[in-house]
Full PDB file with SEQRES, HELIX, SHEET, SSBOND, CRYST1, ORIGX, SCALE, CONECT and MASTER records, all heavy atoms in Angstrom:
SEQRES   1 A   40  GLN LEU ARG TYR VAL SER LYS ARG GLU LYS ILE LEU PHE          
SEQRES   2 A   40  PRO VAL ILE VAL ILE VAL LEU CYS ALA LEU LEU LEU PRO          
SEQRES   3 A   40  SER ALA ALA PRO LEU ILE GLY PHE LEU MET PHE GLY ASN          
SEQRES   4 A   40  LEU                                                          
HELIX    1 AA1 LYS A    7  LEU A   24  1                                  18    
HELIX    2 AA2 PRO A   26  ALA A   28  5                                   3    
HELIX    3 AA3 ALA A   29  ASN A   39  1                                  11    
CRYST1    1.000    1.000    1.000  90.00  90.00  90.00 P 1           1          
ORIGX1      1.000000  0.000000  0.000000        0.00000                         
ORIGX2      0.000000  1.000000  0.000000        0.00000                         
ORIGX3      0.000000  0.000000  1.000000        0.00000                         
SCALE1      1.000000  0.000000  0.000000        0.00000                         
SCALE2      0.000000  1.000000  0.000000        0.00000                         
SCALE3      0.000000  0.000000  1.000000        0.00000                         
ATOM      1  N   GLN A   1       0.831  -1.191   0.000  1.00  0.00           N  
ATOM      2  CA  GLN A   1       0.000   0.000   0.000  1.00  0.00           C  
ATOM      3  C   GLN A   1       0.874   1.252   0.000  1.00  0.00           C  
ATOM      4  O   GLN A   1       1.871   1.339   0.710  1.00  0.00           O  
ATOM      5  CB  GLN A   1      -0.903   0.005   1.239  1.00  0.00           C  
ATOM      6  CG  GLN A   1      -1.830   1.191   1.338  1.00  0.00           C  
ATOM      7  CD  GLN A   1      -2.919   1.151   0.275  1.00  0.00           C  
ATOM      8  OE1 GLN A   1      -3.348   0.077  -0.130  1.00  0.00           O  
ATOM      9  NE2 GLN A   1      -3.351   2.313  -0.164  1.00  0.00           N  
ATOM     10  N   LEU A   2       0.512   2.240  -0.820  1.00  0.00           N  
ATOM     11  CA  LEU A   2       1.260   3.492  -0.882  1.00  0.00           C  
ATOM     12  C   LEU A   2       1.041   4.309   0.381  1.00  0.00           C  
ATOM     13  O   LEU A   2      -0.026   4.255   1.008  1.00  0.00           O  
ATOM     14  CB  LEU A   2       0.808   4.309  -2.098  1.00  0.00           C  
ATOM     15  CG  LEU A   2       1.106   3.704  -3.474  1.00  0.00           C  
ATOM     16  CD1 LEU A   2       0.414   4.524  -4.558  1.00  0.00           C  
ATOM     17  CD2 LEU A   2       2.606   3.645  -3.738  1.00  0.00           C  
ATOM     18  N   ARG A   3       2.052   5.097   0.754  1.00  0.00           N  
ATOM     19  CA  ARG A   3       1.929   5.943   1.937  1.00  0.00           C  
ATOM     20  C   ARG A   3       0.963   7.093   1.667  1.00  0.00           C  
ATOM     21  O   ARG A   3       0.697   7.462   0.522  1.00  0.00           O  
ATOM     22  CB  ARG A   3       3.297   6.499   2.334  1.00  0.00           C  
ATOM     23  CG  ARG A   3       3.835   7.584   1.412  1.00  0.00           C  
ATOM     24  CD  ARG A   3       5.059   8.250   2.028  1.00  0.00           C  
ATOM     25  NE  ARG A   3       5.616   9.276   1.154  1.00  0.00           N  
ATOM     26  CZ  ARG A   3       5.192  10.542   1.139  1.00  0.00           C  
ATOM     27  NH1 ARG A   3       4.207  10.929   1.927  1.00  0.00           N  
ATOM     28  NH2 ARG A   3       5.755  11.429   0.315  1.00  0.00           N  
ATOM     29  N   TYR A   4       0.479   7.689   2.748  1.00  0.00           N  
ATOM     30  CA  TYR A   4      -0.423   8.836   2.639  1.00  0.00           C  
ATOM     31  C   TYR A   4       0.361  10.076   2.218  1.00  0.00           C  
ATOM     32  O   TYR A   4       1.441  10.358   2.750  1.00  0.00           O  
ATOM     33  CB  TYR A   4      -1.128   9.076   3.970  1.00  0.00           C  
ATOM     34  CG  TYR A   4      -1.935  10.366   4.000  1.00  0.00           C  
ATOM     35  CD1 TYR A   4      -3.160  10.456   3.356  1.00  0.00           C  
ATOM     36  CD2 TYR A   4      -1.449  11.489   4.671  1.00  0.00           C  
ATOM     37  CE1 TYR A   4      -3.893  11.629   3.375  1.00  0.00           C  
ATOM     38  CE2 TYR A   4      -2.178  12.673   4.695  1.00  0.00           C  
ATOM     39  CZ  TYR A   4      -3.394  12.728   4.047  1.00  0.00           C  
ATOM     40  OH  TYR A   4      -4.116  13.895   4.066  1.00  0.00           O  
ATOM     41  N   VAL A   5      -0.171  10.814   1.251  1.00  0.00           N  
ATOM     42  CA  VAL A   5       0.460  12.050   0.784  1.00  0.00           C  
ATOM     43  C   VAL A   5      -0.388  13.215   1.279  1.00  0.00           C  
ATOM     44  O   VAL A   5      -1.589  13.285   1.002  1.00  0.00           O  
ATOM     45  CB  VAL A   5       0.575  12.080  -0.757  1.00  0.00           C  
ATOM     46  CG1 VAL A   5       1.208  13.389  -1.220  1.00  0.00           C  
ATOM     47  CG2 VAL A   5       1.390  10.899  -1.252  1.00  0.00           C  
ATOM     48  N   SER A   6       0.241  14.136   1.997  1.00  0.00           N  
ATOM     49  CA  SER A   6      -0.496  15.242   2.597  1.00  0.00           C  
ATOM     50  C   SER A   6      -0.927  16.263   1.545  1.00  0.00           C  
ATOM     51  O   SER A   6      -0.363  16.335   0.448  1.00  0.00           O  
ATOM     52  CB  SER A   6       0.361  15.931   3.662  1.00  0.00           C  
ATOM     53  OG  SER A   6       1.470  16.595   3.058  1.00  0.00           O  
ATOM     54  N   LYS A   7      -1.892  17.084   1.931  1.00  0.00           N  
ATOM     55  CA  LYS A   7      -2.374  18.139   1.038  1.00  0.00           C  
ATOM     56  C   LYS A   7      -1.270  19.146   0.760  1.00  0.00           C  
ATOM     57  O   LYS A   7      -1.158  19.660  -0.363  1.00  0.00           O  
ATOM     58  CB  LYS A   7      -3.586  18.819   1.659  1.00  0.00           C  
ATOM     59  CG  LYS A   7      -4.201  19.912   0.784  1.00  0.00           C  
ATOM     60  CD  LYS A   7      -5.445  20.508   1.411  1.00  0.00           C  
ATOM     61  CE  LYS A   7      -6.049  21.585   0.517  1.00  0.00           C  
ATOM     62  NZ  LYS A   7      -7.280  22.160   1.113  1.00  0.00           N  
ATOM     63  N   ARG A   8      -0.433  19.431   1.757  1.00  0.00           N  
ATOM     64  CA  ARG A   8       0.648  20.381   1.560  1.00  0.00           C  
ATOM     65  C   ARG A   8       1.612  19.891   0.485  1.00  0.00           C  
ATOM     66  O   ARG A   8       2.057  20.664  -0.367  1.00  0.00           O  
ATOM     67  CB  ARG A   8       1.393  20.608   2.880  1.00  0.00           C  
ATOM     68  CG  ARG A   8       2.592  21.549   2.748  1.00  0.00           C  
ATOM     69  CD  ARG A   8       3.271  21.770   4.082  1.00  0.00           C  
ATOM     70  NE  ARG A   8       2.360  22.425   5.028  1.00  0.00           N  
ATOM     71  CZ  ARG A   8       2.685  22.705   6.302  1.00  0.00           C  
ATOM     72  NH1 ARG A   8       3.887  22.357   6.765  1.00  0.00           N  
ATOM     73  NH2 ARG A   8       1.814  23.304   7.087  1.00  0.00           N  
ATOM     74  N   GLU A   9       1.937  18.615   0.505  1.00  0.00           N  
ATOM     75  CA  GLU A   9       2.833  18.049  -0.503  1.00  0.00           C  
ATOM     76  C   GLU A   9       2.222  18.193  -1.899  1.00  0.00           C  
ATOM     77  O   GLU A   9       2.918  18.537  -2.866  1.00  0.00           O  
ATOM     78  CB  GLU A   9       3.095  16.572  -0.206  1.00  0.00           C  
ATOM     79  CG  GLU A   9       3.990  16.304   0.980  1.00  0.00           C  
ATOM     80  CD  GLU A   9       4.160  14.818   1.229  1.00  0.00           C  
ATOM     81  OE1 GLU A   9       3.228  14.191   1.775  1.00  0.00           O  
ATOM     82  OE2 GLU A   9       5.222  14.275   0.853  1.00  0.00           O  
ATOM     83  N   LYS A  10       0.921  17.922  -1.997  1.00  0.00           N  
ATOM     84  CA  LYS A  10       0.262  17.983  -3.313  1.00  0.00           C  
ATOM     85  C   LYS A  10       0.177  19.417  -3.836  1.00  0.00           C  
ATOM     86  O   LYS A  10       0.205  19.623  -5.061  1.00  0.00           O  
ATOM     87  CB  LYS A  10      -1.142  17.370  -3.219  1.00  0.00           C  
ATOM     88  CG  LYS A  10      -1.131  15.868  -2.989  1.00  0.00           C  
ATOM     89  CD  LYS A  10      -2.544  15.303  -3.007  1.00  0.00           C  
ATOM     90  CE  LYS A  10      -2.535  13.788  -2.850  1.00  0.00           C  
ATOM     91  NZ  LYS A  10      -3.905  13.197  -2.911  1.00  0.00           N  
ATOM     92  N   ILE A  11       0.080  20.400  -2.936  1.00  0.00           N  
ATOM     93  CA  ILE A  11       0.050  21.800  -3.375  1.00  0.00           C  
ATOM     94  C   ILE A  11       1.446  22.261  -3.781  1.00  0.00           C  
ATOM     95  O   ILE A  11       1.618  22.973  -4.786  1.00  0.00           O  
ATOM     96  CB  ILE A  11      -0.525  22.695  -2.264  1.00  0.00           C  
ATOM     97  CG1 ILE A  11      -2.008  22.382  -2.041  1.00  0.00           C  
ATOM     98  CG2 ILE A  11      -0.349  24.176  -2.606  1.00  0.00           C  
ATOM     99  CD1 ILE A  11      -2.630  23.135  -0.885  1.00  0.00           C  
ATOM    100  N   LEU A  12       2.446  21.858  -3.005  1.00  0.00           N  
ATOM    101  CA  LEU A  12       3.812  22.293  -3.292  1.00  0.00           C  
ATOM    102  C   LEU A  12       4.366  21.660  -4.567  1.00  0.00           C  
ATOM    103  O   LEU A  12       5.191  22.272  -5.266  1.00  0.00           O  
ATOM    104  CB  LEU A  12       4.732  21.955  -2.111  1.00  0.00           C  
ATOM    105  CG  LEU A  12       4.553  22.820  -0.852  1.00  0.00           C  
ATOM    106  CD1 LEU A  12       5.454  22.305   0.264  1.00  0.00           C  
ATOM    107  CD2 LEU A  12       4.876  24.274  -1.167  1.00  0.00           C  
ATOM    108  N   PHE A  13       3.916  20.453  -4.897  1.00  0.00           N  
ATOM    109  CA  PHE A  13       4.490  19.746  -6.042  1.00  0.00           C  
ATOM    110  C   PHE A  13       4.359  20.529  -7.346  1.00  0.00           C  
ATOM    111  O   PHE A  13       5.366  20.757  -8.041  1.00  0.00           O  
ATOM    112  CB  PHE A  13       3.853  18.358  -6.182  1.00  0.00           C  
ATOM    113  CG  PHE A  13       4.375  17.573  -7.351  1.00  0.00           C  
ATOM    114  CD1 PHE A  13       5.605  16.948  -7.297  1.00  0.00           C  
ATOM    115  CD2 PHE A  13       3.629  17.471  -8.526  1.00  0.00           C  
ATOM    116  CE1 PHE A  13       6.094  16.231  -8.379  1.00  0.00           C  
ATOM    117  CE2 PHE A  13       4.108  16.766  -9.604  1.00  0.00           C  
ATOM    118  CZ  PHE A  13       5.346  16.143  -9.534  1.00  0.00           C  
ATOM    119  N   PRO A  14       3.154  20.971  -7.767  1.00  0.00           N  
ATOM    120  CA  PRO A  14       3.074  21.719  -9.033  1.00  0.00           C  
ATOM    121  C   PRO A  14       3.860  23.022  -9.001  1.00  0.00           C  
ATOM    122  O   PRO A  14       4.431  23.433 -10.021  1.00  0.00           O  
ATOM    123  CB  PRO A  14       1.576  21.976  -9.209  1.00  0.00           C  
ATOM    124  CG  PRO A  14       0.966  21.797  -7.873  1.00  0.00           C  
ATOM    125  CD  PRO A  14       1.824  20.794  -7.169  1.00  0.00           C  
ATOM    126  N   VAL A  15       3.911  23.681  -7.837  1.00  0.00           N  
ATOM    127  CA  VAL A  15       4.668  24.931  -7.748  1.00  0.00           C  
ATOM    128  C   VAL A  15       6.157  24.667  -7.957  1.00  0.00           C  
ATOM    129  O   VAL A  15       6.836  25.381  -8.710  1.00  0.00           O  
ATOM    130  CB  VAL A  15       4.419  25.604  -6.382  1.00  0.00           C  
ATOM    131  CG1 VAL A  15       5.285  26.857  -6.240  1.00  0.00           C  
ATOM    132  CG2 VAL A  15       2.945  25.959  -6.216  1.00  0.00           C  
ATOM    133  N   ILE A  16       6.667  23.643  -7.315  1.00  0.00           N  
ATOM    134  CA  ILE A  16       8.093  23.302  -7.441  1.00  0.00           C  
ATOM    135  C   ILE A  16       8.425  22.903  -8.871  1.00  0.00           C  
ATOM    136  O   ILE A  16       9.461  23.302  -9.425  1.00  0.00           O  
ATOM    137  CB  ILE A  16       8.455  22.172  -6.452  1.00  0.00           C  
ATOM    138  CG1 ILE A  16       8.346  22.678  -5.011  1.00  0.00           C  
ATOM    139  CG2 ILE A  16       9.861  21.652  -6.729  1.00  0.00           C  
ATOM    140  CD1 ILE A  16       8.495  21.579  -3.972  1.00  0.00           C  
ATOM    141  N   VAL A  17       7.545  22.123  -9.496  1.00  0.00           N  
ATOM    142  CA  VAL A  17       7.801  21.687 -10.868  1.00  0.00           C  
ATOM    143  C   VAL A  17       7.845  22.878 -11.823  1.00  0.00           C  
ATOM    144  O   VAL A  17       8.716  22.960 -12.705  1.00  0.00           O  
ATOM    145  CB  VAL A  17       6.730  20.670 -11.326  1.00  0.00           C  
ATOM    146  CG1 VAL A  17       6.866  20.381 -12.827  1.00  0.00           C  
ATOM    147  CG2 VAL A  17       6.867  19.374 -10.547  1.00  0.00           C  
ATOM    148  N   ILE A  18       6.940  23.833 -11.668  1.00  0.00           N  
ATOM    149  CA  ILE A  18       6.937  25.019 -12.536  1.00  0.00           C  
ATOM    150  C   ILE A  18       8.218  25.823 -12.337  1.00  0.00           C  
ATOM    151  O   ILE A  18       8.825  26.307 -13.303  1.00  0.00           O  
ATOM    152  CB  ILE A  18       5.694  25.887 -12.255  1.00  0.00           C  
ATOM    153  CG1 ILE A  18       4.432  25.176 -12.741  1.00  0.00           C  
ATOM    154  CG2 ILE A  18       5.816  27.247 -12.940  1.00  0.00           C  
ATOM    155  CD1 ILE A  18       3.147  25.906 -12.429  1.00  0.00           C  
ATOM    156  N   VAL A  19       8.653  25.984 -11.084  1.00  0.00           N  
ATOM    157  CA  VAL A  19       9.885  26.731 -10.809  1.00  0.00           C  
ATOM    158  C   VAL A  19      11.084  26.041 -11.459  1.00  0.00           C  
ATOM    159  O   VAL A  19      11.926  26.687 -12.106  1.00  0.00           O  
ATOM    160  CB  VAL A  19      10.103  26.884  -9.295  1.00  0.00           C  
ATOM    161  CG1 VAL A  19      11.484  27.475  -9.005  1.00  0.00           C  
ATOM    162  CG2 VAL A  19       9.018  27.769  -8.697  1.00  0.00           C  
ATOM    163  N   LEU A  20      11.183  24.729 -11.305  1.00  0.00           N  
ATOM    164  CA  LEU A  20      12.296  23.988 -11.915  1.00  0.00           C  
ATOM    165  C   LEU A  20      12.257  24.091 -13.435  1.00  0.00           C  
ATOM    166  O   LEU A  20      13.296  24.228 -14.093  1.00  0.00           O  
ATOM    167  CB  LEU A  20      12.234  22.522 -11.481  1.00  0.00           C  
ATOM    168  CG  LEU A  20      12.547  22.241 -10.009  1.00  0.00           C  
ATOM    169  CD1 LEU A  20      12.344  20.760  -9.694  1.00  0.00           C  
ATOM    170  CD2 LEU A  20      13.976  22.660  -9.677  1.00  0.00           C  
ATOM    171  N   CYS A  21      11.045  24.016 -14.004  1.00  0.00           N  
ATOM    172  CA  CYS A  21      10.903  24.134 -15.459  1.00  0.00           C  
ATOM    173  C   CYS A  21      11.358  25.508 -15.930  1.00  0.00           C  
ATOM    174  O   CYS A  21      12.068  25.631 -16.940  1.00  0.00           O  
ATOM    175  CB  CYS A  21       9.453  23.880 -15.864  1.00  0.00           C  
ATOM    176  SG  CYS A  21       9.124  24.055 -17.618  1.00  0.00           S  
ATOM    177  N   ALA A  22      10.975  26.546 -15.195  1.00  0.00           N  
ATOM    178  CA  ALA A  22      11.363  27.910 -15.572  1.00  0.00           C  
ATOM    179  C   ALA A  22      12.872  28.092 -15.507  1.00  0.00           C  
ATOM    180  O   ALA A  22      13.467  28.808 -16.328  1.00  0.00           O  
ATOM    181  CB  ALA A  22      10.666  28.915 -14.662  1.00  0.00           C  
ATOM    182  N   LEU A  23      13.517  27.442 -14.546  1.00  0.00           N  
ATOM    183  CA  LEU A  23      14.958  27.604 -14.382  1.00  0.00           C  
ATOM    184  C   LEU A  23      15.769  26.743 -15.348  1.00  0.00           C  
ATOM    185  O   LEU A  23      16.820  27.163 -15.836  1.00  0.00           O  
ATOM    186  CB  LEU A  23      15.354  27.254 -12.935  1.00  0.00           C  
ATOM    187  CG  LEU A  23      14.810  28.190 -11.836  1.00  0.00           C  
ATOM    188  CD1 LEU A  23      15.180  27.642 -10.461  1.00  0.00           C  
ATOM    189  CD2 LEU A  23      15.340  29.603 -12.029  1.00  0.00           C  
ATOM    190  N   LEU A  24      15.270  25.526 -15.628  1.00  0.00           N  
ATOM    191  CA  LEU A  24      16.071  24.565 -16.378  1.00  0.00           C  
ATOM    192  C   LEU A  24      15.634  24.372 -17.825  1.00  0.00           C  
ATOM    193  O   LEU A  24      16.476  24.151 -18.702  1.00  0.00           O  
ATOM    194  CB  LEU A  24      16.040  23.200 -15.655  1.00  0.00           C  
ATOM    195  CG  LEU A  24      16.539  23.196 -14.211  1.00  0.00           C  
ATOM    196  CD1 LEU A  24      16.382  21.808 -13.604  1.00  0.00           C  
ATOM    197  CD2 LEU A  24      17.992  23.648 -14.140  1.00  0.00           C  
ATOM    198  N   LEU A  25      14.326  24.418 -18.102  1.00  0.00           N  
ATOM    199  CA  LEU A  25      13.846  24.118 -19.450  1.00  0.00           C  
ATOM    200  C   LEU A  25      12.647  24.995 -19.795  1.00  0.00           C  
ATOM    201  O   LEU A  25      11.516  24.517 -19.871  1.00  0.00           O  
ATOM    202  CB  LEU A  25      13.465  22.627 -19.538  1.00  0.00           C  
ATOM    203  CG  LEU A  25      13.296  22.034 -20.944  1.00  0.00           C  
ATOM    204  CD1 LEU A  25      14.584  22.118 -21.738  1.00  0.00           C  
ATOM    205  CD2 LEU A  25      12.831  20.585 -20.845  1.00  0.00           C  
ATOM    206  N   PRO A  26      12.865  26.272 -20.022  1.00  0.00           N  
ATOM    207  CA  PRO A  26      11.728  27.178 -20.305  1.00  0.00           C  
ATOM    208  C   PRO A  26      10.932  26.802 -21.544  1.00  0.00           C  
ATOM    209  O   PRO A  26       9.748  27.118 -21.629  1.00  0.00           O  
ATOM    210  CB  PRO A  26      12.421  28.538 -20.489  1.00  0.00           C  
ATOM    211  CG  PRO A  26      13.746  28.414 -19.824  1.00  0.00           C  
ATOM    212  CD  PRO A  26      14.150  26.984 -19.967  1.00  0.00           C  
ATOM    213  N   SER A  27      11.558  26.116 -22.500  1.00  0.00           N  
ATOM    214  CA  SER A  27      10.841  25.759 -23.728  1.00  0.00           C  
ATOM    215  C   SER A  27       9.682  24.806 -23.460  1.00  0.00           C  
ATOM    216  O   SER A  27       8.750  24.716 -24.266  1.00  0.00           O  
ATOM    217  CB  SER A  27      11.805  25.136 -24.745  1.00  0.00           C  
ATOM    218  OG  SER A  27      12.471  24.013 -24.187  1.00  0.00           O  
ATOM    219  N   ALA A  28       9.734  24.077 -22.338  1.00  0.00           N  
ATOM    220  CA  ALA A  28       8.642  23.164 -21.994  1.00  0.00           C  
ATOM    221  C   ALA A  28       7.602  23.826 -21.104  1.00  0.00           C  
ATOM    222  O   ALA A  28       6.626  23.183 -20.712  1.00  0.00           O  
ATOM    223  CB  ALA A  28       9.196  21.922 -21.286  1.00  0.00           C  
ATOM    224  N   ALA A  29       7.798  25.108 -20.799  1.00  0.00           N  
ATOM    225  CA  ALA A  29       6.907  25.802 -19.862  1.00  0.00           C  
ATOM    226  C   ALA A  29       5.447  25.830 -20.300  1.00  0.00           C  
ATOM    227  O   ALA A  29       4.552  25.695 -19.445  1.00  0.00           O  
ATOM    228  CB  ALA A  29       7.416  27.219 -19.612  1.00  0.00           C  
ATOM    229  N   PRO A  30       5.126  26.024 -21.592  1.00  0.00           N  
ATOM    230  CA  PRO A  30       3.696  26.022 -21.950  1.00  0.00           C  
ATOM    231  C   PRO A  30       2.981  24.725 -21.564  1.00  0.00           C  
ATOM    232  O   PRO A  30       1.895  24.753 -20.979  1.00  0.00           O  
ATOM    233  CB  PRO A  30       3.716  26.228 -23.468  1.00  0.00           C  
ATOM    234  CG  PRO A  30       4.987  26.947 -23.738  1.00  0.00           C  
ATOM    235  CD  PRO A  30       5.969  26.385 -22.751  1.00  0.00           C  
ATOM    236  N   LEU A  31       3.592  23.580 -21.892  1.00  0.00           N  
ATOM    237  CA  LEU A  31       2.967  22.294 -21.590  1.00  0.00           C  
ATOM    238  C   LEU A  31       2.950  22.021 -20.092  1.00  0.00           C  
ATOM    239  O   LEU A  31       1.900  21.753 -19.500  1.00  0.00           O  
ATOM    240  CB  LEU A  31       3.703  21.173 -22.330  1.00  0.00           C  
ATOM    241  CG  LEU A  31       3.546  21.144 -23.854  1.00  0.00           C  
ATOM    242  CD1 LEU A  31       4.567  20.205 -24.473  1.00  0.00           C  
ATOM    243  CD2 LEU A  31       2.139  20.715 -24.231  1.00  0.00           C  
ATOM    244  N   ILE A  32       4.122  22.079 -19.469  1.00  0.00           N  
ATOM    245  CA  ILE A  32       4.208  21.767 -18.046  1.00  0.00           C  
ATOM    246  C   ILE A  32       3.463  22.814 -17.230  1.00  0.00           C  
ATOM    247  O   ILE A  32       2.810  22.499 -16.220  1.00  0.00           O  
ATOM    248  CB  ILE A  32       5.684  21.659 -17.624  1.00  0.00           C  
ATOM    249  CG1 ILE A  32       6.311  20.411 -18.259  1.00  0.00           C  
ATOM    250  CG2 ILE A  32       5.820  21.600 -16.103  1.00  0.00           C  
ATOM    251  CD1 ILE A  32       7.755  20.176 -17.887  1.00  0.00           C  
ATOM    252  N   GLY A  33       3.533  24.076 -17.649  1.00  0.00           N  
ATOM    253  CA  GLY A  33       2.842  25.133 -16.920  1.00  0.00           C  
ATOM    254  C   GLY A  33       1.341  24.928 -16.877  1.00  0.00           C  
ATOM    255  O   GLY A  33       0.711  25.053 -15.810  1.00  0.00           O  
ATOM    256  N   PHE A  34       0.724  24.606 -18.015  1.00  0.00           N  
ATOM    257  CA  PHE A  34      -0.726  24.377 -18.031  1.00  0.00           C  
ATOM    258  C   PHE A  34      -1.089  23.108 -17.271  1.00  0.00           C  
ATOM    259  O   PHE A  34      -2.129  23.048 -16.610  1.00  0.00           O  
ATOM    260  CB  PHE A  34      -1.227  24.301 -19.476  1.00  0.00           C  
ATOM    261  CG  PHE A  34      -1.623  25.628 -20.050  1.00  0.00           C  
ATOM    262  CD1 PHE A  34      -0.668  26.577 -20.373  1.00  0.00           C  
ATOM    263  CD2 PHE A  34      -2.954  25.955 -20.252  1.00  0.00           C  
ATOM    264  CE1 PHE A  34      -1.024  27.811 -20.889  1.00  0.00           C  
ATOM    265  CE2 PHE A  34      -3.332  27.183 -20.756  1.00  0.00           C  
ATOM    266  CZ  PHE A  34      -2.365  28.117 -21.077  1.00  0.00           C  
ATOM    267  N   LEU A  35      -0.243  22.074 -17.376  1.00  0.00           N  
ATOM    268  CA  LEU A  35      -0.507  20.836 -16.640  1.00  0.00           C  
ATOM    269  C   LEU A  35      -0.501  21.098 -15.137  1.00  0.00           C  
ATOM    270  O   LEU A  35      -1.415  20.669 -14.412  1.00  0.00           O  
ATOM    271  CB  LEU A  35       0.559  19.797 -17.003  1.00  0.00           C  
ATOM    272  CG  LEU A  35       0.458  18.445 -16.294  1.00  0.00           C  
ATOM    273  CD1 LEU A  35      -0.750  17.666 -16.792  1.00  0.00           C  
ATOM    274  CD2 LEU A  35       1.737  17.634 -16.520  1.00  0.00           C  
ATOM    275  N   MET A  36       0.501  21.814 -14.667  1.00  0.00           N  
ATOM    276  CA  MET A  36       0.609  22.079 -13.231  1.00  0.00           C  
ATOM    277  C   MET A  36      -0.423  23.099 -12.753  1.00  0.00           C  
ATOM    278  O   MET A  36      -0.885  23.033 -11.618  1.00  0.00           O  
ATOM    279  CB  MET A  36       2.029  22.549 -12.906  1.00  0.00           C  
ATOM    280  CG  MET A  36       3.075  21.473 -13.143  1.00  0.00           C  
ATOM    281  SD  MET A  36       2.713  19.969 -12.192  1.00  0.00           S  
ATOM    282  CE  MET A  36       3.614  18.734 -13.129  1.00  0.00           C  
ATOM    283  N   PHE A  37      -0.785  24.032 -13.608  1.00  0.00           N  
ATOM    284  CA  PHE A  37      -1.835  24.984 -13.243  1.00  0.00           C  
ATOM    285  C   PHE A  37      -3.154  24.257 -13.005  1.00  0.00           C  
ATOM    286  O   PHE A  37      -3.870  24.516 -12.016  1.00  0.00           O  
ATOM    287  CB  PHE A  37      -1.987  26.038 -14.333  1.00  0.00           C  
ATOM    288  CG  PHE A  37      -3.165  26.948 -14.145  1.00  0.00           C  
ATOM    289  CD1 PHE A  37      -3.352  27.646 -12.959  1.00  0.00           C  
ATOM    290  CD2 PHE A  37      -4.108  27.097 -15.150  1.00  0.00           C  
ATOM    291  CE1 PHE A  37      -4.451  28.480 -12.779  1.00  0.00           C  
ATOM    292  CE2 PHE A  37      -5.210  27.936 -14.976  1.00  0.00           C  
ATOM    293  CZ  PHE A  37      -5.382  28.629 -13.783  1.00  0.00           C  
ATOM    294  N   GLY A  38      -3.491  23.342 -13.908  1.00  0.00           N  
ATOM    295  CA  GLY A  38      -4.709  22.555 -13.718  1.00  0.00           C  
ATOM    296  C   GLY A  38      -4.663  21.745 -12.440  1.00  0.00           C  
ATOM    297  O   GLY A  38      -5.648  21.658 -11.691  1.00  0.00           O  
ATOM    298  N   ASN A  39      -3.496  21.152 -12.142  1.00  0.00           N  
ATOM    299  CA  ASN A  39      -3.368  20.348 -10.927  1.00  0.00           C  
ATOM    300  C   ASN A  39      -3.434  21.215  -9.677  1.00  0.00           C  
ATOM    301  O   ASN A  39      -4.016  20.811  -8.660  1.00  0.00           O  
ATOM    302  CB  ASN A  39      -2.054  19.572 -10.959  1.00  0.00           C  
ATOM    303  CG  ASN A  39      -1.914  18.608  -9.801  1.00  0.00           C  
ATOM    304  OD1 ASN A  39      -1.121  18.808  -8.904  1.00  0.00           O  
ATOM    305  ND2 ASN A  39      -2.723  17.549  -9.810  1.00  0.00           N  
ATOM    306  N   LEU A  40      -2.857  22.415  -9.734  1.00  0.00           N  
ATOM    307  CA  LEU A  40      -2.902  23.312  -8.583  1.00  0.00           C  
ATOM    308  C   LEU A  40      -4.335  23.728  -8.276  1.00  0.00           C  
ATOM    309  O   LEU A  40      -4.733  23.820  -7.101  1.00  0.00           O  
ATOM    310  CB  LEU A  40      -2.036  24.541  -8.857  1.00  0.00           C  
ATOM    311  CG  LEU A  40      -1.912  25.556  -7.715  1.00  0.00           C  
ATOM    312  CD1 LEU A  40      -1.267  24.911  -6.491  1.00  0.00           C  
ATOM    313  CD2 LEU A  40      -1.119  26.772  -8.161  1.00  0.00           C  
TER     314      LEU A  40                                                      
MASTER        0    0    0    3    0    0    0    6  313    1    0    4          
END                                                                             
């Protein structure tokens, strides 16, 4: 059985991914940005 994932972790995940995308691979920002925005 998978461990419980808190709400805080789920909120922070899309924010962290967008920040990393902006810093490392901006060309993927449209796709990843909209994906993470929907998840947020």
